[in-house]
Amino acid sequence: MNRIISTLILILVVLSCNNIERPKKPDNLISKDKMVDVITDISLMNAAKGLDKDLLEKNAINPANYIYEKYNIDSTQFAASNNYYAYDVKEYEKIYIRVKERLENKKAEYRLFQEQEKKELDSIREDRKRERDSIKKLNINRNSDFKSIKEKLPDLPK
């Protein structure tokens, strides 16, 4: 008896899930390319918020509003477009693969920037070290020159 009930419940669950209809295409559907841009920026803003939420609040930056204004969209348009694209899992996955690629590219650019900045700082430190060394040499030479002058002129107080 339990087996029959379990089988009926399983059949009902499977049948009830098959009636999901594709959402109607919104009139103001955001293009896939623009969705990639928006989702990329949302990911970056969420990361920024996770790193330093106080900085965003201090500068009165609302991440969601910033993105909506940047792309000239609103939350309803984004939600409807996101819902429309999410229905087709394979297409939605393609969008997110592009987002991931962009984020990885930005990460690589950031690492190159960090390396370049480190090289510049190392170069500045090396230049300053050379300057200090040359000043020390100059001071040593002045002191030794002064001693030799004092030795040549016995009338100077020692």
C-alpha atoms as a PDB file:
ATOM      1  CA  MET A   1       0.000   0.000   0.000  1.00  0.00           C
ATOM      2  CA  ASN A   2       2.805   2.416   0.914  1.00  0.00           C
ATOM      3  CA  ARG A   3       4.503   1.601  -2.339  1.00  0.00           C
ATOM      4  CA  ILE A   4       1.412   2.534  -4.348  1.00  0.00           C
ATOM      5  CA  ILE A   5       1.010   5.849  -2.484  1.00  0.00           C
ATOM      6  CA  SER A   6       4.685   6.692  -2.937  1.00  0.00           C
ATOM      7  CA  THR A   7       4.463   5.913  -6.641  1.00  0.00           C
ATOM      8  CA  LEU A   8       1.329   8.088  -7.038  1.00  0.00           C
ATOM      9  CA  ILE A   9       2.958  11.005  -5.226  1.00  0.00           C
ATOM     10  CA  LEU A  10       6.048  10.700  -7.414  1.00  0.00           C
ATOM     11  CA  ILE A  11       3.911  10.662 -10.578  1.00  0.00           C
ATOM     12  CA  LEU A  12       1.973  13.738  -9.393  1.00  0.00           C
ATOM     13  CA  VAL A  13       5.181  15.628  -8.649  1.00  0.00           C
ATOM     14  CA  VAL A  14       6.649  14.812 -12.066  1.00  0.00           C
ATOM     15  CA  LEU A  15       3.438  15.765 -13.887  1.00  0.00           C
ATOM     16  CA  SER A  16       3.001  18.991 -11.949  1.00  0.00           C
ATOM     17  CA  CYS A  17       6.509  20.107 -12.886  1.00  0.00           C
ATOM     18  CA  ASN A  18       5.906  19.617 -16.614  1.00  0.00           C
ATOM     19  CA  ASN A  19       3.375  22.426 -16.877  1.00  0.00           C
ATOM     20  CA  ILE A  20       5.873  25.221 -16.384  1.00  0.00           C
ATOM     21  CA  GLU A  21       5.457  27.597 -19.283  1.00  0.00           C
ATOM     22  CA  ARG A  22       8.121  29.821 -20.733  1.00  0.00           C
ATOM     23  CA  PRO A  23       7.740  33.358 -19.448  1.00  0.00           C
ATOM     24  CA  LYS A  24       6.348  35.800 -21.975  1.00  0.00           C
ATOM     25  CA  LYS A  25       9.060  37.788 -23.740  1.00  0.00           C
ATOM     26  CA  PRO A  26       9.108  41.220 -22.091  1.00  0.00           C
ATOM     27  CA  ASP A  27       8.484  44.237 -24.306  1.00  0.00           C
ATOM     28  CA  ASN A  28      11.642  45.867 -23.006  1.00  0.00           C
ATOM     29  CA  LEU A  29      13.837  42.748 -22.955  1.00  0.00           C
ATOM     30  CA  ILE A  30      17.474  43.518 -22.216  1.00  0.00           C
ATOM     31  CA  SER A  31      19.751  42.127 -24.941  1.00  0.00           C
ATOM     32  CA  LYS A  32      22.038  39.223 -24.064  1.00  0.00           C
ATOM     33  CA  ASP A  33      25.138  41.389 -24.534  1.00  0.00           C
ATOM     34  CA  LYS A  34      23.757  44.032 -22.198  1.00  0.00           C
ATOM     35  CA  MET A  35      22.745  41.324 -19.695  1.00  0.00           C
ATOM     36  CA  VAL A  36      26.352  40.123 -19.672  1.00  0.00           C
ATOM     37  CA  ASP A  37      27.472  43.706 -18.945  1.00  0.00           C
ATOM     38  CA  VAL A  38      24.865  44.181 -16.211  1.00  0.00           C
ATOM     39  CA  ILE A  39      25.544  40.850 -14.497  1.00  0.00           C
ATOM     40  CA  THR A  40      29.306  41.463 -14.688  1.00  0.00           C
ATOM     41  CA  ASP A  41      28.896  44.841 -12.994  1.00  0.00           C
ATOM     42  CA  ILE A  42      26.520  43.368 -10.409  1.00  0.00           C
ATOM     43  CA  SER A  43      29.174  40.761  -9.593  1.00  0.00           C
ATOM     44  CA  LEU A  44      31.858  43.438  -9.273  1.00  0.00           C
ATOM     45  CA  MET A  45      29.639  45.616  -7.085  1.00  0.00           C
ATOM     46  CA  ASN A  46      28.799  42.677  -4.833  1.00  0.00           C
ATOM     47  CA  ALA A  47      32.501  41.942  -4.473  1.00  0.00           C
ATOM     48  CA  ALA A  48      33.196  45.603  -3.674  1.00  0.00           C
ATOM     49  CA  LYS A  49      30.395  45.611  -1.146  1.00  0.00           C
ATOM     50  CA  GLY A  50      31.886  42.500   0.442  1.00  0.00           C
ATOM     51  CA  LEU A  51      35.335  44.099   0.650  1.00  0.00           C
ATOM     52  CA  ASP A  52      34.448  47.553   1.934  1.00  0.00           C
ATOM     53  CA  LYS A  53      30.761  48.204   2.509  1.00  0.00           C
ATOM     54  CA  ASP A  54      31.589  51.260   4.636  1.00  0.00           C
ATOM     55  CA  LEU A  55      33.366  52.942   1.719  1.00  0.00           C
ATOM     56  CA  LEU A  56      30.287  52.566  -0.485  1.00  0.00           C
ATOM     57  CA  GLU A  57      28.029  53.880   2.277  1.00  0.00           C
ATOM     58  CA  LYS A  58      30.415  56.748   3.048  1.00  0.00           C
ATOM     59  CA  ASN A  59      30.274  57.836  -0.605  1.00  0.00           C
ATOM     60  CA  ALA A  60      26.492  57.268  -0.707  1.00  0.00           C
ATOM     61  CA  ILE A  61      26.744  54.664  -3.449  1.00  0.00           C
ATOM     62  CA  ASN A  62      23.823  52.281  -3.767  1.00  0.00           C
ATOM     63  CA  PRO A  63      25.160  49.462  -5.966  1.00  0.00           C
ATOM     64  CA  ALA A  64      21.788  48.496  -7.458  1.00  0.00           C
ATOM     65  CA  ASN A  65      20.825  52.073  -8.288  1.00  0.00           C
ATOM     66  CA  TYR A  66      24.268  52.729  -9.735  1.00  0.00           C
ATOM     67  CA  ILE A  67      23.916  49.803 -12.148  1.00  0.00           C
ATOM     68  CA  TYR A  68      20.340  50.654 -13.110  1.00  0.00           C
ATOM     69  CA  GLU A  69      21.345  54.233 -13.886  1.00  0.00           C
ATOM     70  CA  LYS A  70      24.495  53.165 -15.732  1.00  0.00           C
ATOM     71  CA  TYR A  71      22.560  50.892 -18.083  1.00  0.00           C
ATOM     72  CA  ASN A  72      19.388  52.976 -18.167  1.00  0.00           C
ATOM     73  CA  ILE A  73      17.224  50.118 -16.881  1.00  0.00           C
ATOM     74  CA  ASP A  74      15.040  49.558 -13.833  1.00  0.00           C
ATOM     75  CA  SER A  75      14.705  46.676 -11.408  1.00  0.00           C
ATOM     76  CA  THR A  76      11.478  45.416 -13.004  1.00  0.00           C
ATOM     77  CA  GLN A  77      13.028  45.340 -16.469  1.00  0.00           C
ATOM     78  CA  PHE A  78      16.081  43.509 -15.137  1.00  0.00           C
ATOM     79  CA  ALA A  79      13.987  40.987 -13.185  1.00  0.00           C
ATOM     80  CA  ALA A  80      11.716  40.269 -16.176  1.00  0.00           C
ATOM     81  CA  SER A  81      14.685  39.872 -18.541  1.00  0.00           C
ATOM     82  CA  ASN A  82      16.560  37.718 -16.060  1.00  0.00           C
ATOM     83  CA  ASN A  83      13.486  35.523 -15.566  1.00  0.00           C
ATOM     84  CA  TYR A  84      13.018  35.208 -19.346  1.00  0.00           C
ATOM     85  CA  TYR A  85      16.644  34.179 -19.959  1.00  0.00           C
ATOM     86  CA  ALA A  86      16.770  31.878 -16.915  1.00  0.00           C
ATOM     87  CA  TYR A  87      13.975  29.709 -18.325  1.00  0.00           C
ATOM     88  CA  ASP A  88      16.323  28.350 -20.996  1.00  0.00           C
ATOM     89  CA  VAL A  89      19.106  26.953 -18.820  1.00  0.00           C
ATOM     90  CA  LYS A  90      21.544  26.398 -21.695  1.00  0.00           C
ATOM     91  CA  GLU A  91      21.223  29.987 -22.953  1.00  0.00           C
ATOM     92  CA  TYR A  92      21.429  31.331 -19.407  1.00  0.00           C
ATOM     93  CA  GLU A  93      24.570  29.269 -18.846  1.00  0.00           C
ATOM     94  CA  LYS A  94      26.099  30.842 -21.973  1.00  0.00           C
ATOM     95  CA  ILE A  95      25.431  34.287 -20.499  1.00  0.00           C
ATOM     96  CA  TYR A  96      27.129  33.302 -17.256  1.00  0.00           C
ATOM     97  CA  ILE A  97      30.079  31.745 -19.073  1.00  0.00           C
ATOM     98  CA  ARG A  98      30.643  35.114 -20.764  1.00  0.00           C
ATOM     99  CA  VAL A  99      30.317  36.871 -17.392  1.00  0.00           C
ATOM    100  CA  LYS A 100      32.897  34.494 -15.898  1.00  0.00           C
ATOM    101  CA  GLU A 101      35.282  35.111 -18.823  1.00  0.00           C
ATOM    102  CA  ARG A 102      34.986  38.871 -18.372  1.00  0.00           C
ATOM    103  CA  LEU A 103      35.600  38.632 -14.652  1.00  0.00           C
ATOM    104  CA  GLU A 104      38.648  36.447 -15.244  1.00  0.00           C
ATOM    105  CA  ASN A 105      39.946  38.964 -17.814  1.00  0.00           C
ATOM    106  CA  LYS A 106      39.448  41.810 -15.345  1.00  0.00           C
ATOM    107  CA  LYS A 107      41.259  39.793 -12.697  1.00  0.00           C
ATOM    108  CA  ALA A 108      44.195  39.230 -15.079  1.00  0.00           C
ATOM    109  CA  GLU A 109      44.260  42.955 -15.951  1.00  0.00           C
ATOM    110  CA  TYR A 110      44.283  43.815 -12.252  1.00  0.00           C
ATOM    111  CA  ARG A 111      47.178  41.423 -11.598  1.00  0.00           C
ATOM    112  CA  LEU A 112      49.174  42.976 -14.462  1.00  0.00           C
ATOM    113  CA  PHE A 113      48.439  46.411 -13.029  1.00  0.00           C
ATOM    114  CA  GLN A 114      49.620  45.266  -9.590  1.00  0.00           C
ATOM    115  CA  GLU A 115      52.833  43.830 -11.042  1.00  0.00           C
ATOM    116  CA  GLN A 116      53.531  47.011 -12.993  1.00  0.00           C
ATOM    117  CA  GLU A 117      52.845  49.140  -9.932  1.00  0.00           C
ATOM    118  CA  LYS A 118      55.188  46.952  -7.852  1.00  0.00           C
ATOM    119  CA  LYS A 119      57.944  47.318 -10.465  1.00  0.00           C
ATOM    120  CA  GLU A 120      57.521  51.094 -10.440  1.00  0.00           C
ATOM    121  CA  LEU A 121      57.660  51.207  -6.632  1.00  0.00           C
ATOM    122  CA  ASP A 122      60.740  48.981  -6.621  1.00  0.00           C
ATOM    123  CA  SER A 123      62.363  51.285  -9.175  1.00  0.00           C
ATOM    124  CA  ILE A 124      61.582  54.340  -7.050  1.00  0.00           C
ATOM    125  CA  ARG A 125      62.997  52.622  -3.950  1.00  0.00           C
ATOM    126  CA  GLU A 126      66.140  51.674  -5.872  1.00  0.00           C
ATOM    127  CA  ASP A 127      66.550  55.270  -7.109  1.00  0.00           C
ATOM    128  CA  ARG A 128      66.178  56.603  -3.558  1.00  0.00           C
ATOM    129  CA  LYS A 129      68.717  54.067  -2.278  1.00  0.00           C
ATOM    130  CA  ARG A 130      71.192  55.161  -4.953  1.00  0.00           C
ATOM    131  CA  GLU A 131      70.615  58.808  -3.983  1.00  0.00           C
ATOM    132  CA  ARG A 132      71.236  58.052  -0.298  1.00  0.00           C
ATOM    133  CA  ASP A 133      74.369  56.083  -1.166  1.00  0.00           C
ATOM    134  CA  SER A 134      75.701  58.888  -3.340  1.00  0.00           C
ATOM    135  CA  ILE A 135      74.978  61.440  -0.593  1.00  0.00           C
ATOM    136  CA  LYS A 136      76.865  59.263   1.906  1.00  0.00           C
ATOM    137  CA  LYS A 137      79.814  59.042  -0.501  1.00  0.00           C
ATOM    138  CA  LEU A 138      79.714  62.787  -0.988  1.00  0.00           C
ATOM    139  CA  ASN A 139      79.717  63.366   2.773  1.00  0.00           C
ATOM    140  CA  ILE A 140      82.583  60.902   3.242  1.00  0.00           C
ATOM    141  CA  ASN A 141      84.571  62.630   0.492  1.00  0.00           C
ATOM    142  CA  ARG A 142      83.893  66.059   2.018  1.00  0.00           C
ATOM    143  CA  ASN A 143      85.011  64.891   5.447  1.00  0.00           C
ATOM    144  CA  SER A 144      88.176  63.320   4.123  1.00  0.00           C
ATOM    145  CA  ASP A 145      88.873  66.435   1.991  1.00  0.00           C
ATOM    146  CA  PHE A 146      88.394  68.622   5.055  1.00  0.00           C
ATOM    147  CA  LYS A 147      90.821  66.466   7.062  1.00  0.00           C
ATOM    148  CA  SER A 148      93.449  66.643   4.349  1.00  0.00           C
ATOM    149  CA  ILE A 149      93.037  70.424   4.152  1.00  0.00           C
ATOM    150  CA  LYS A 150      93.380  70.704   7.935  1.00  0.00           C
ATOM    151  CA  GLU A 151      96.552  68.661   7.815  1.00  0.00           C
ATOM    152  CA  LYS A 152      98.012  70.889   5.102  1.00  0.00           C
ATOM    153  CA  LEU A 153      97.190  74.045   7.015  1.00  0.00           C
ATOM    154  CA  PRO A 154      98.544  73.661  10.549  1.00  0.00           C
ATOM    155  CA  ASP A 155      97.270  77.079  11.652  1.00  0.00           C
ATOM    156  CA  LEU A 156      93.645  75.847  11.674  1.00  0.00           C
ATOM    157  CA  PRO A 157      92.316  74.631  14.981  1.00  0.00           C
ATOM    158  CA  LYS A 158      91.834  70.910  15.148  1.00  0.00           C
END
